[in-house]
Amino acid sequence: MSTSKSSRRKPGRPKETDSTDLRDRILDAAEQEFADHGYSGARMRDIAARAGVNPALIGYYNGSKGELFEEVIRRKGARIADARQANLDALLARTPTPRVREIVRAYLQPQWDMKESGTLGAAFVRLQARLHAEPEARALRLRREIYDPTAKRYITVLAAALPHLSLEEVSLRMAFLVGTYLFMLNDLGRLSDLSDGQVTTLEKEALLDHLQRFLAAGLRAE
């Protein structure tokens, strides 16, 4: 019995039923490799080895290394941005004048939820911190594309909650907020260093509570 031309698969091309799982496996492997080594240090053959696939399949699904990197960032970066938008929508639905602490918590929570979601979530958080530290044009463009629309909406809401501050000042303090929480997400051991070992680790919610209070106070400062 003959097979129609349209139903034939090209040699080496995965079945359609396998393609979604395989694509996710490649993206997961790339996420870990980029988190461990950064964009410059990650190698396509090592990503393929992590995913357990032929390196040619990465090109088939994702194109170049740059295209793969961008897809990795967009995949979970969009989840964080969407969760922040949803949190703010829910907060504003409860009250048109939310408190600064509530706004800060709505912004921070998705990042902590991602970090605590498992090995891959933690890897993406490391990768995101790398992305914010990279001056390279691709990283800057991705930050602007994925995170800036949401951050600017939060700035607008914060400005309404902080009428004693100019929009310029609120924007500057939002940049400080982003830098602070990214530093704390990286688990650099500074809590232990600066407390002479008295504070080594904090549970997720305890750390988030401390950070929420600190950042809210900084935002409100005269």
N, C-alpha and C. Protein backbone atom coordinates (compact mmCIF):
# COMPACT_ATOMS: atom_id res chain seq x y z
N MET A 1 0.84 -1.18 0.00
CA MET A 1 0.00 0.00 0.00
C MET A 1 0.89 1.24 0.00
N SER A 2 0.61 2.19 -0.88
CA SER A 2 1.47 3.36 -1.03
C SER A 2 1.14 4.39 0.03
N THR A 3 2.12 5.22 0.34
CA THR A 3 1.94 6.31 1.30
C THR A 3 1.90 7.62 0.55
N SER A 4 0.93 8.46 0.84
CA SER A 4 0.82 9.73 0.13
C SER A 4 2.04 10.59 0.40
N LYS A 5 2.35 11.42 -0.56
CA LYS A 5 3.53 12.27 -0.46
C LYS A 5 3.46 13.20 0.75
N SER A 6 2.24 13.71 1.02
CA SER A 6 2.10 14.67 2.12
C SER A 6 2.29 14.03 3.48
N SER A 7 2.07 12.69 3.57
CA SER A 7 2.16 12.05 4.88
C SER A 7 3.54 11.50 5.17
N ARG A 8 4.44 11.52 4.16
CA ARG A 8 5.78 11.02 4.40
C ARG A 8 6.57 11.98 5.27
N ARG A 9 7.43 11.44 6.14
CA ARG A 9 8.33 12.26 6.93
C ARG A 9 9.69 12.28 6.28
N LYS A 10 10.36 13.40 6.35
CA LYS A 10 11.72 13.48 5.86
C LYS A 10 12.61 12.63 6.76
N PRO A 11 13.71 12.09 6.22
CA PRO A 11 14.61 11.29 7.04
C PRO A 11 15.08 12.07 8.26
N GLY A 12 14.98 11.44 9.41
CA GLY A 12 15.45 12.06 10.64
C GLY A 12 14.47 13.02 11.28
N ARG A 13 13.36 13.27 10.62
CA ARG A 13 12.38 14.19 11.20
C ARG A 13 11.51 13.44 12.20
N PRO A 14 11.34 13.99 13.43
CA PRO A 14 10.54 13.30 14.44
C PRO A 14 9.08 13.23 14.05
N LYS A 15 8.39 12.24 14.57
CA LYS A 15 6.94 12.17 14.39
C LYS A 15 6.30 13.38 15.07
N GLU A 16 5.17 13.79 14.51
CA GLU A 16 4.46 14.94 15.08
C GLU A 16 4.07 14.68 16.53
N THR A 17 3.75 13.44 16.86
CA THR A 17 3.33 13.12 18.23
C THR A 17 4.49 13.26 19.22
N ASP A 18 5.73 13.18 18.71
CA ASP A 18 6.90 13.28 19.57
C ASP A 18 7.44 14.70 19.65
N SER A 19 7.02 15.56 18.74
CA SER A 19 7.70 16.84 18.56
C SER A 19 7.59 17.76 19.77
N THR A 20 6.43 17.82 20.42
CA THR A 20 6.27 18.72 21.55
C THR A 20 7.17 18.32 22.71
N ASP A 21 7.18 17.03 23.06
CA ASP A 21 8.04 16.56 24.15
C ASP A 21 9.50 16.79 23.83
N LEU A 22 9.89 16.53 22.59
CA LEU A 22 11.28 16.69 22.20
C LEU A 22 11.70 18.15 22.24
N ARG A 23 10.83 19.00 21.77
CA ARG A 23 11.12 20.44 21.79
C ARG A 23 11.29 20.93 23.23
N ASP A 24 10.40 20.50 24.11
CA ASP A 24 10.51 20.89 25.52
C ASP A 24 11.79 20.36 26.14
N ARG A 25 12.18 19.15 25.77
CA ARG A 25 13.40 18.56 26.30
C ARG A 25 14.63 19.38 25.88
N ILE A 26 14.63 19.81 24.64
CA ILE A 26 15.73 20.65 24.15
C ILE A 26 15.75 21.99 24.89
N LEU A 27 14.58 22.61 25.05
CA LEU A 27 14.52 23.89 25.75
C LEU A 27 14.93 23.76 27.21
N ASP A 28 14.52 22.69 27.86
CA ASP A 28 14.92 22.46 29.25
C ASP A 28 16.44 22.31 29.36
N ALA A 29 17.02 21.54 28.45
CA ALA A 29 18.46 21.33 28.46
C ALA A 29 19.20 22.64 28.19
N ALA A 30 18.70 23.41 27.25
CA ALA A 30 19.32 24.70 26.93
C ALA A 30 19.22 25.66 28.11
N GLU A 31 18.11 25.64 28.78
CA GLU A 31 17.91 26.50 29.95
C GLU A 31 18.97 26.23 31.00
N GLN A 32 19.21 24.96 31.27
CA GLN A 32 20.22 24.60 32.27
C GLN A 32 21.62 24.96 31.81
N GLU A 33 21.91 24.72 30.54
CA GLU A 33 23.24 25.02 30.01
C GLU A 33 23.51 26.52 30.02
N PHE A 34 22.55 27.32 29.59
CA PHE A 34 22.73 28.77 29.60
C PHE A 34 22.82 29.30 31.04
N ALA A 35 22.06 28.70 31.95
CA ALA A 35 22.12 29.13 33.35
C ALA A 35 23.48 28.83 33.96
N ASP A 36 24.06 27.70 33.60
CA ASP A 36 25.35 27.29 34.16
C ASP A 36 26.52 28.05 33.55
N HIS A 37 26.43 28.36 32.27
CA HIS A 37 27.61 28.87 31.55
C HIS A 37 27.40 30.22 30.87
N GLY A 38 26.18 30.77 30.94
CA GLY A 38 25.92 32.00 30.23
C GLY A 38 25.80 31.77 28.73
N TYR A 39 25.42 32.81 28.02
CA TYR A 39 25.24 32.66 26.58
C TYR A 39 26.56 32.33 25.89
N SER A 40 27.60 33.06 26.23
CA SER A 40 28.88 32.87 25.54
C SER A 40 29.49 31.51 25.83
N GLY A 41 29.35 31.04 27.07
CA GLY A 41 30.00 29.79 27.46
C GLY A 41 29.24 28.53 27.08
N ALA A 42 27.94 28.65 26.81
CA ALA A 42 27.13 27.48 26.46
C ALA A 42 27.48 27.00 25.05
N ARG A 43 27.50 25.68 24.89
CA ARG A 43 27.82 25.10 23.57
C ARG A 43 26.66 24.23 23.11
N MET A 44 26.37 24.32 21.83
CA MET A 44 25.24 23.59 21.27
C MET A 44 25.40 22.08 21.46
N ARG A 45 26.60 21.58 21.31
CA ARG A 45 26.78 20.13 21.46
C ARG A 45 26.55 19.68 22.90
N ASP A 46 26.84 20.56 23.86
CA ASP A 46 26.57 20.21 25.25
C ASP A 46 25.08 20.26 25.55
N ILE A 47 24.38 21.18 24.92
CA ILE A 47 22.92 21.23 25.06
C ILE A 47 22.31 19.95 24.49
N ALA A 48 22.80 19.53 23.32
CA ALA A 48 22.31 18.30 22.71
C ALA A 48 22.57 17.10 23.60
N ALA A 49 23.74 17.07 24.23
CA ALA A 49 24.08 15.95 25.12
C ALA A 49 23.16 15.93 26.33
N ARG A 50 22.88 17.08 26.90
CA ARG A 50 21.95 17.15 28.04
C ARG A 50 20.56 16.65 27.65
N ALA A 51 20.14 17.02 26.43
CA ALA A 51 18.81 16.65 25.97
C ALA A 51 18.75 15.22 25.45
N GLY A 52 19.92 14.63 25.19
CA GLY A 52 19.96 13.28 24.65
C GLY A 52 19.49 13.22 23.20
N VAL A 53 19.86 14.24 22.42
CA VAL A 53 19.43 14.28 21.02
C VAL A 53 20.62 14.53 20.12
N ASN A 54 20.43 14.29 18.84
CA ASN A 54 21.42 14.64 17.83
C ASN A 54 21.49 16.16 17.72
N PRO A 55 22.69 16.75 17.69
CA PRO A 55 22.78 18.22 17.59
C PRO A 55 22.01 18.80 16.42
N ALA A 56 21.85 18.03 15.34
CA ALA A 56 21.12 18.54 14.18
C ALA A 56 19.67 18.85 14.52
N LEU A 57 19.11 18.14 15.51
CA LEU A 57 17.71 18.38 15.88
C LEU A 57 17.52 19.76 16.51
N ILE A 58 18.54 20.25 17.18
CA ILE A 58 18.43 21.57 17.78
C ILE A 58 18.26 22.61 16.68
N GLY A 59 19.07 22.49 15.64
CA GLY A 59 18.92 23.40 14.51
C GLY A 59 17.59 23.27 13.83
N TYR A 60 17.09 22.03 13.75
CA TYR A 60 15.80 21.79 13.10
C TYR A 60 14.67 22.50 13.84
N TYR A 61 14.69 22.41 15.17
CA TYR A 61 13.62 23.00 15.97
C TYR A 61 13.85 24.47 16.30
N ASN A 62 15.09 24.85 16.54
CA ASN A 62 15.35 26.16 17.14
C ASN A 62 16.27 27.07 16.34
N GLY A 63 16.82 26.60 15.26
CA GLY A 63 17.69 27.45 14.48
C GLY A 63 19.06 27.64 15.12
N SER A 64 19.51 28.87 15.17
CA SER A 64 20.84 29.18 15.68
C SER A 64 20.87 29.19 17.21
N LYS A 65 22.07 29.30 17.73
CA LYS A 65 22.24 29.40 19.19
C LYS A 65 21.52 30.64 19.72
N GLY A 66 21.61 31.74 19.01
CA GLY A 66 20.93 32.96 19.43
C GLY A 66 19.43 32.80 19.47
N GLU A 67 18.89 32.15 18.46
CA GLU A 67 17.44 31.92 18.42
C GLU A 67 16.99 30.99 19.54
N LEU A 68 17.81 29.99 19.83
CA LEU A 68 17.50 29.07 20.92
C LEU A 68 17.50 29.81 22.26
N PHE A 69 18.50 30.65 22.47
CA PHE A 69 18.59 31.44 23.70
C PHE A 69 17.36 32.31 23.88
N GLU A 70 16.95 32.97 22.83
CA GLU A 70 15.79 33.85 22.91
C GLU A 70 14.52 33.07 23.21
N GLU A 71 14.39 31.89 22.63
CA GLU A 71 13.19 31.10 22.89
C GLU A 71 13.16 30.63 24.34
N VAL A 72 14.32 30.27 24.88
CA VAL A 72 14.40 29.86 26.28
C VAL A 72 13.96 31.00 27.20
N ILE A 73 14.47 32.20 26.94
CA ILE A 73 14.14 33.35 27.78
C ILE A 73 12.66 33.71 27.67
N ARG A 74 12.15 33.71 26.47
CA ARG A 74 10.75 34.10 26.27
C ARG A 74 9.80 33.09 26.92
N ARG A 75 10.15 31.81 26.88
CA ARG A 75 9.22 30.78 27.35
C ARG A 75 8.81 31.01 28.80
N LYS A 76 9.77 31.15 29.70
CA LYS A 76 9.43 31.33 31.11
C LYS A 76 9.38 32.79 31.53
N GLY A 77 10.11 33.63 30.81
CA GLY A 77 10.01 35.06 31.10
C GLY A 77 8.59 35.55 30.91
N ALA A 78 7.94 35.04 29.87
CA ALA A 78 6.54 35.43 29.63
C ALA A 78 5.63 34.94 30.75
N ARG A 79 5.94 33.78 31.31
CA ARG A 79 5.12 33.27 32.42
C ARG A 79 5.22 34.20 33.63
N ILE A 80 6.42 34.66 33.92
CA ILE A 80 6.61 35.57 35.05
C ILE A 80 5.89 36.88 34.79
N ALA A 81 6.07 37.43 33.60
CA ALA A 81 5.42 38.70 33.27
C ALA A 81 3.90 38.57 33.32
N ASP A 82 3.38 37.48 32.79
CA ASP A 82 1.92 37.27 32.81
C ASP A 82 1.39 37.14 34.24
N ALA A 83 2.16 36.43 35.08
CA ALA A 83 1.74 36.26 36.48
C ALA A 83 1.75 37.60 37.21
N ARG A 84 2.72 38.43 36.91
CA ARG A 84 2.76 39.76 37.53
C ARG A 84 1.55 40.60 37.10
N GLN A 85 1.21 40.51 35.83
CA GLN A 85 0.04 41.24 35.36
C GLN A 85 -1.23 40.74 36.05
N ALA A 86 -1.35 39.42 36.15
CA ALA A 86 -2.54 38.83 36.79
C ALA A 86 -2.61 39.23 38.26
N ASN A 87 -1.46 39.23 38.95
CA ASN A 87 -1.43 39.63 40.36
C ASN A 87 -1.89 41.07 40.53
N LEU A 88 -1.42 41.94 39.64
CA LEU A 88 -1.79 43.34 39.75
C LEU A 88 -3.26 43.54 39.42
N ASP A 89 -3.76 42.82 38.42
CA ASP A 89 -5.19 42.88 38.10
C ASP A 89 -6.04 42.49 39.31
N ALA A 90 -5.63 41.39 39.97
CA ALA A 90 -6.38 40.92 41.13
C ALA A 90 -6.32 41.92 42.27
N LEU A 91 -5.16 42.52 42.47
CA LEU A 91 -4.99 43.50 43.54
C LEU A 91 -5.86 44.73 43.29
N LEU A 92 -5.85 45.23 42.07
CA LEU A 92 -6.63 46.42 41.75
C LEU A 92 -8.12 46.13 41.75
N ALA A 93 -8.49 44.88 41.50
CA ALA A 93 -9.90 44.50 41.56
C ALA A 93 -10.41 44.53 43.00
N ARG A 94 -9.51 44.26 43.95
CA ARG A 94 -9.90 44.29 45.37
C ARG A 94 -9.98 45.71 45.90
N THR A 95 -9.04 46.55 45.45
CA THR A 95 -9.01 47.93 45.92
C THR A 95 -8.35 48.81 44.86
N PRO A 96 -8.94 49.97 44.57
CA PRO A 96 -8.32 50.85 43.57
C PRO A 96 -7.08 51.56 44.10
N THR A 97 -6.87 51.51 45.41
CA THR A 97 -5.71 52.18 46.02
C THR A 97 -4.91 51.20 46.87
N PRO A 98 -4.24 50.23 46.27
CA PRO A 98 -3.48 49.25 47.05
C PRO A 98 -2.30 49.90 47.77
N ARG A 99 -1.89 49.26 48.85
CA ARG A 99 -0.74 49.73 49.60
C ARG A 99 0.54 49.35 48.86
N VAL A 100 1.60 50.11 49.14
CA VAL A 100 2.88 49.87 48.47
C VAL A 100 3.37 48.45 48.73
N ARG A 101 3.23 47.98 49.97
CA ARG A 101 3.68 46.62 50.29
C ARG A 101 2.94 45.57 49.47
N GLU A 102 1.67 45.80 49.23
CA GLU A 102 0.90 44.85 48.43
C GLU A 102 1.35 44.85 46.98
N ILE A 103 1.67 46.02 46.46
CA ILE A 103 2.15 46.13 45.08
C ILE A 103 3.49 45.43 44.93
N VAL A 104 4.37 45.65 45.89
CA VAL A 104 5.68 45.00 45.87
C VAL A 104 5.53 43.48 45.89
N ARG A 105 4.66 42.99 46.76
CA ARG A 105 4.47 41.54 46.87
C ARG A 105 3.93 40.95 45.56
N ALA A 106 2.99 41.66 44.95
CA ALA A 106 2.42 41.19 43.68
C ALA A 106 3.49 41.07 42.61
N TYR A 107 4.46 41.97 42.64
CA TYR A 107 5.54 41.95 41.65
C TYR A 107 6.56 40.84 41.94
N LEU A 108 6.90 40.66 43.20
CA LEU A 108 7.95 39.70 43.56
C LEU A 108 7.50 38.25 43.53
N GLN A 109 6.25 37.99 43.90
CA GLN A 109 5.80 36.61 44.13
C GLN A 109 6.06 35.66 42.96
N PRO A 110 5.78 36.04 41.72
CA PRO A 110 5.98 35.09 40.62
C PRO A 110 7.43 34.62 40.48
N GLN A 111 8.37 35.51 40.81
CA GLN A 111 9.78 35.14 40.71
C GLN A 111 10.12 34.08 41.74
N TRP A 112 9.61 34.25 42.95
CA TRP A 112 9.87 33.26 44.00
C TRP A 112 9.16 31.94 43.70
N ASP A 113 7.96 32.02 43.18
CA ASP A 113 7.24 30.81 42.81
C ASP A 113 8.00 30.04 41.73
N MET A 114 8.58 30.76 40.78
CA MET A 114 9.37 30.11 39.73
C MET A 114 10.60 29.42 40.34
N LYS A 115 11.27 30.11 41.22
CA LYS A 115 12.49 29.54 41.82
C LYS A 115 12.19 28.28 42.60
N GLU A 116 11.05 28.25 43.28
CA GLU A 116 10.70 27.11 44.12
C GLU A 116 9.95 26.02 43.36
N SER A 117 9.82 26.16 42.06
CA SER A 117 9.04 25.19 41.28
C SER A 117 9.83 23.95 40.90
N GLY A 118 11.11 23.91 41.25
CA GLY A 118 11.93 22.73 40.93
C GLY A 118 13.26 23.13 40.32
N THR A 119 14.02 22.13 39.89
CA THR A 119 15.37 22.37 39.36
C THR A 119 15.35 23.31 38.17
N LEU A 120 14.41 23.10 37.26
CA LEU A 120 14.36 23.94 36.07
C LEU A 120 13.94 25.37 36.41
N GLY A 121 13.02 25.51 37.34
CA GLY A 121 12.63 26.85 37.75
C GLY A 121 13.80 27.61 38.35
N ALA A 122 14.57 26.94 39.20
CA ALA A 122 15.74 27.56 39.80
C ALA A 122 16.78 27.91 38.74
N ALA A 123 16.93 27.03 37.74
CA ALA A 123 17.88 27.30 36.66
C ALA A 123 17.47 28.55 35.88
N PHE A 124 16.17 28.69 35.64
CA PHE A 124 15.74 29.88 34.90
C PHE A 124 15.98 31.15 35.70
N VAL A 125 15.78 31.09 37.00
CA VAL A 125 16.03 32.27 37.82
C VAL A 125 17.51 32.67 37.74
N ARG A 126 18.42 31.69 37.76
CA ARG A 126 19.84 32.00 37.58
C ARG A 126 20.09 32.61 36.22
N LEU A 127 19.45 32.05 35.22
CA LEU A 127 19.62 32.57 33.86
C LEU A 127 19.07 33.98 33.75
N GLN A 128 17.96 34.24 34.38
CA GLN A 128 17.37 35.57 34.33
C GLN A 128 18.30 36.60 34.97
N ALA A 129 18.93 36.21 36.08
CA ALA A 129 19.87 37.12 36.73
C ALA A 129 21.05 37.41 35.79
N ARG A 130 21.51 36.39 35.09
CA ARG A 130 22.58 36.59 34.10
C ARG A 130 22.10 37.57 33.01
N LEU A 131 20.87 37.40 32.58
CA LEU A 131 20.33 38.24 31.52
C LEU A 131 20.34 39.70 31.94
N HIS A 132 19.98 39.99 33.18
CA HIS A 132 19.94 41.37 33.65
C HIS A 132 21.33 41.95 33.86
N ALA A 133 22.33 41.09 33.98
CA ALA A 133 23.70 41.57 34.15
C ALA A 133 24.43 41.73 32.82
N GLU A 134 23.84 41.23 31.75
CA GLU A 134 24.50 41.25 30.44
C GLU A 134 24.24 42.58 29.74
N PRO A 135 25.30 43.27 29.30
CA PRO A 135 25.10 44.51 28.55
C PRO A 135 24.88 44.27 27.06
N GLU A 136 25.09 43.03 26.63
CA GLU A 136 25.03 42.70 25.21
C GLU A 136 23.66 43.05 24.63
N ALA A 137 23.62 43.45 23.36
CA ALA A 137 22.41 44.00 22.75
C ALA A 137 21.23 43.03 22.81
N ARG A 138 21.50 41.74 22.61
CA ARG A 138 20.41 40.76 22.64
C ARG A 138 19.74 40.73 24.02
N ALA A 139 20.54 40.72 25.07
CA ALA A 139 20.00 40.67 26.42
C ALA A 139 19.18 41.93 26.72
N LEU A 140 19.68 43.07 26.29
CA LEU A 140 18.96 44.33 26.52
C LEU A 140 17.61 44.31 25.80
N ARG A 141 17.61 43.85 24.57
CA ARG A 141 16.37 43.79 23.80
C ARG A 141 15.36 42.85 24.44
N LEU A 142 15.83 41.70 24.92
CA LEU A 142 14.93 40.74 25.55
C LEU A 142 14.35 41.29 26.85
N ARG A 143 15.18 41.95 27.64
CA ARG A 143 14.67 42.55 28.87
C ARG A 143 13.58 43.56 28.57
N ARG A 144 13.83 44.39 27.58
CA ARG A 144 12.84 45.41 27.23
C ARG A 144 11.56 44.78 26.71
N GLU A 145 11.70 43.76 25.89
CA GLU A 145 10.54 43.13 25.27
C GLU A 145 9.67 42.39 26.29
N ILE A 146 10.32 41.61 27.17
CA ILE A 146 9.58 40.70 28.04
C ILE A 146 9.13 41.38 29.33
N TYR A 147 10.02 42.14 29.95
CA TYR A 147 9.74 42.62 31.31
C TYR A 147 9.31 44.08 31.41
N ASP A 148 9.72 44.92 30.48
CA ASP A 148 9.47 46.35 30.64
C ASP A 148 8.00 46.74 30.63
N PRO A 149 7.17 46.18 29.74
CA PRO A 149 5.76 46.60 29.77
C PRO A 149 5.10 46.39 31.14
N THR A 150 5.39 45.25 31.76
CA THR A 150 4.83 44.97 33.08
C THR A 150 5.42 45.90 34.14
N ALA A 151 6.75 46.08 34.10
CA ALA A 151 7.40 46.95 35.09
C ALA A 151 6.86 48.37 34.99
N LYS A 152 6.62 48.86 33.78
CA LYS A 152 6.11 50.22 33.62
C LYS A 152 4.69 50.35 34.14
N ARG A 153 3.90 49.29 34.02
CA ARG A 153 2.56 49.33 34.59
C ARG A 153 2.64 49.40 36.12
N TYR A 154 3.55 48.64 36.71
CA TYR A 154 3.74 48.72 38.16
C TYR A 154 4.21 50.10 38.58
N ILE A 155 5.08 50.70 37.79
CA ILE A 155 5.53 52.06 38.11
C ILE A 155 4.37 53.02 38.15
N THR A 156 3.45 52.90 37.21
CA THR A 156 2.27 53.77 37.18
C THR A 156 1.42 53.60 38.44
N VAL A 157 1.21 52.35 38.84
CA VAL A 157 0.40 52.08 40.03
C VAL A 157 1.13 52.55 41.28
N LEU A 158 2.45 52.33 41.34
CA LEU A 158 3.23 52.81 42.49
C LEU A 158 3.20 54.33 42.57
N ALA A 159 3.28 54.99 41.43
CA ALA A 159 3.27 56.46 41.43
C ALA A 159 1.96 56.99 42.02
N ALA A 160 0.85 56.31 41.75
CA ALA A 160 -0.43 56.73 42.33
C ALA A 160 -0.45 56.51 43.83
N ALA A 161 0.25 55.47 44.29
CA ALA A 161 0.31 55.18 45.73
C ALA A 161 1.35 56.03 46.45
N LEU A 162 2.20 56.71 45.69
CA LEU A 162 3.28 57.52 46.27
C LEU A 162 3.20 58.94 45.69
N PRO A 163 2.14 59.67 45.99
CA PRO A 163 1.95 60.98 45.36
C PRO A 163 3.00 62.02 45.74
N HIS A 164 3.76 61.76 46.80
CA HIS A 164 4.80 62.71 47.21
C HIS A 164 6.06 62.57 46.35
N LEU A 165 6.10 61.58 45.48
CA LEU A 165 7.27 61.35 44.63
C LEU A 165 6.94 61.63 43.17
N SER A 166 7.95 62.10 42.44
CA SER A 166 7.78 62.29 41.00
C SER A 166 7.82 60.94 40.30
N LEU A 167 7.29 60.89 39.10
CA LEU A 167 7.33 59.66 38.31
C LEU A 167 8.77 59.25 38.04
N GLU A 168 9.64 60.23 37.84
CA GLU A 168 11.06 59.94 37.62
C GLU A 168 11.65 59.24 38.84
N GLU A 169 11.32 59.73 40.04
CA GLU A 169 11.85 59.13 41.26
C GLU A 169 11.32 57.72 41.47
N VAL A 170 10.04 57.49 41.20
CA VAL A 170 9.45 56.16 41.34
C VAL A 170 10.12 55.19 40.36
N SER A 171 10.38 55.65 39.15
CA SER A 171 11.03 54.81 38.14
C SER A 171 12.43 54.42 38.60
N LEU A 172 13.15 55.36 39.17
CA LEU A 172 14.50 55.09 39.67
C LEU A 172 14.45 54.06 40.80
N ARG A 173 13.50 54.23 41.70
CA ARG A 173 13.39 53.29 42.83
C ARG A 173 12.95 51.91 42.36
N MET A 174 12.16 51.84 41.29
CA MET A 174 11.79 50.54 40.73
C MET A 174 13.03 49.83 40.19
N ALA A 175 13.95 50.57 39.60
CA ALA A 175 15.20 49.97 39.13
C ALA A 175 15.99 49.43 40.31
N PHE A 176 16.01 50.15 41.43
CA PHE A 176 16.68 49.65 42.64
C PHE A 176 16.02 48.37 43.12
N LEU A 177 14.69 48.33 43.08
CA LEU A 177 13.94 47.14 43.49
C LEU A 177 14.36 45.92 42.67
N VAL A 178 14.41 46.10 41.36
CA VAL A 178 14.77 44.98 40.47
C VAL A 178 16.18 44.47 40.79
N GLY A 179 17.12 45.40 40.95
CA GLY A 179 18.49 44.99 41.25
C GLY A 179 18.60 44.25 42.57
N THR A 180 17.86 44.70 43.57
CA THR A 180 17.92 44.08 44.89
C THR A 180 17.36 42.67 44.88
N TYR A 181 16.18 42.49 44.30
CA TYR A 181 15.58 41.16 44.36
C TYR A 181 16.35 40.16 43.50
N LEU A 182 16.94 40.61 42.39
CA LEU A 182 17.74 39.69 41.58
C LEU A 182 18.98 39.23 42.34
N PHE A 183 19.58 40.14 43.09
CA PHE A 183 20.74 39.77 43.90
C PHE A 183 20.36 38.73 44.94
N MET A 184 19.25 38.93 45.63
CA MET A 184 18.84 38.01 46.67
C MET A 184 18.42 36.66 46.11
N LEU A 185 17.91 36.64 44.91
CA LEU A 185 17.51 35.37 44.29
C LEU A 185 18.70 34.48 43.98
N ASN A 186 19.88 35.05 43.91
CA ASN A 186 21.05 34.29 43.47
C ASN A 186 21.71 33.46 44.56
N ASP A 187 21.25 33.57 45.80
CA ASP A 187 21.81 32.76 46.90
C ASP A 187 23.34 32.85 46.94
N LEU A 188 23.85 34.06 47.02
CA LEU A 188 25.29 34.25 46.97
C LEU A 188 25.98 34.03 48.32
N GLY A 189 25.25 33.66 49.33
CA GLY A 189 25.87 33.40 50.62
C GLY A 189 26.16 34.64 51.44
N ARG A 190 25.68 35.79 51.00
CA ARG A 190 26.01 37.02 51.71
C ARG A 190 25.29 37.12 53.05
N LEU A 191 24.14 36.48 53.20
CA LEU A 191 23.47 36.49 54.50
C LEU A 191 24.37 35.90 55.57
N SER A 192 24.99 34.80 55.24
CA SER A 192 25.89 34.16 56.19
C SER A 192 27.14 35.00 56.43
N ASP A 193 27.71 35.54 55.37
CA ASP A 193 28.92 36.35 55.49
C ASP A 193 28.70 37.56 56.38
N LEU A 194 27.64 38.30 56.12
CA LEU A 194 27.43 39.57 56.80
C LEU A 194 26.89 39.41 58.22
N SER A 195 26.32 38.24 58.51
CA SER A 195 25.81 37.99 59.87
C SER A 195 26.76 37.10 60.67
N ASP A 196 27.98 36.91 60.14
CA ASP A 196 28.96 36.03 60.81
C ASP A 196 28.38 34.66 61.10
N GLY A 197 27.61 34.15 60.14
CA GLY A 197 27.08 32.79 60.26
C GLY A 197 25.82 32.68 61.09
N GLN A 198 25.33 33.79 61.64
CA GLN A 198 24.11 33.71 62.44
C GLN A 198 22.88 33.45 61.58
N VAL A 199 22.90 33.97 60.35
CA VAL A 199 21.82 33.71 59.40
C VAL A 199 22.43 33.03 58.19
N THR A 200 22.10 31.77 58.01
CA THR A 200 22.65 31.03 56.88
C THR A 200 21.64 30.89 55.76
N THR A 201 20.42 30.55 56.10
CA THR A 201 19.35 30.43 55.11
C THR A 201 18.05 30.94 55.70
N LEU A 202 17.16 31.33 54.84
CA LEU A 202 15.81 31.71 55.25
C LEU A 202 14.83 30.95 54.38
N GLU A 203 13.74 30.52 54.96
CA GLU A 203 12.70 29.88 54.17
C GLU A 203 12.15 30.88 53.14
N LYS A 204 11.62 30.32 52.08
CA LYS A 204 11.13 31.14 50.96
C LYS A 204 10.25 32.29 51.43
N GLU A 205 9.22 32.00 52.20
CA GLU A 205 8.27 33.03 52.61
C GLU A 205 8.89 34.03 53.57
N ALA A 206 9.80 33.56 54.43
CA ALA A 206 10.45 34.47 55.38
C ALA A 206 11.34 35.46 54.63
N LEU A 207 12.11 34.97 53.67
CA LEU A 207 12.96 35.86 52.88
C LEU A 207 12.12 36.84 52.09
N LEU A 208 11.04 36.36 51.52
CA LEU A 208 10.17 37.23 50.74
C LEU A 208 9.52 38.29 51.63
N ASP A 209 9.15 37.93 52.85
CA ASP A 209 8.57 38.89 53.79
C ASP A 209 9.57 39.99 54.12
N HIS A 210 10.80 39.59 54.44
CA HIS A 210 11.85 40.57 54.75
C HIS A 210 12.08 41.51 53.57
N LEU A 211 12.19 40.93 52.40
CA LEU A 211 12.47 41.73 51.21
C LEU A 211 11.31 42.66 50.88
N GLN A 212 10.10 42.18 51.06
CA GLN A 212 8.92 43.01 50.82
C GLN A 212 8.94 44.24 51.72
N ARG A 213 9.21 44.05 53.00
CA ARG A 213 9.22 45.18 53.94
C ARG A 213 10.33 46.17 53.59
N PHE A 214 11.51 45.63 53.28
CA PHE A 214 12.65 46.50 52.96
C PHE A 214 12.39 47.33 51.70
N LEU A 215 11.92 46.68 50.66
CA LEU A 215 11.70 47.38 49.40
C LEU A 215 10.55 48.37 49.49
N ALA A 216 9.50 48.02 50.21
CA ALA A 216 8.38 48.93 50.37
C ALA A 216 8.82 50.17 51.13
N ALA A 217 9.64 49.99 52.15
CA ALA A 217 10.14 51.13 52.92
C ALA A 217 11.01 52.04 52.05
N GLY A 218 11.84 51.44 51.20
CA GLY A 218 12.66 52.21 50.30
C GLY A 218 11.83 53.00 49.29
N LEU A 219 10.80 52.38 48.80
CA LEU A 219 9.92 53.07 47.85
C LEU A 219 9.20 54.25 48.49
N ARG A 220 8.82 54.09 49.76
CA ARG A 220 8.04 55.15 50.45
C ARG A 220 8.91 56.27 51.00
N ALA A 221 10.22 56.07 51.07
CA ALA A 221 11.10 57.00 51.77
C ALA A 221 10.94 58.43 51.26
N GLU A 222 11.01 59.37 52.20
CA GLU A 222 10.90 60.80 51.85
C GLU A 222 12.18 61.26 51.15
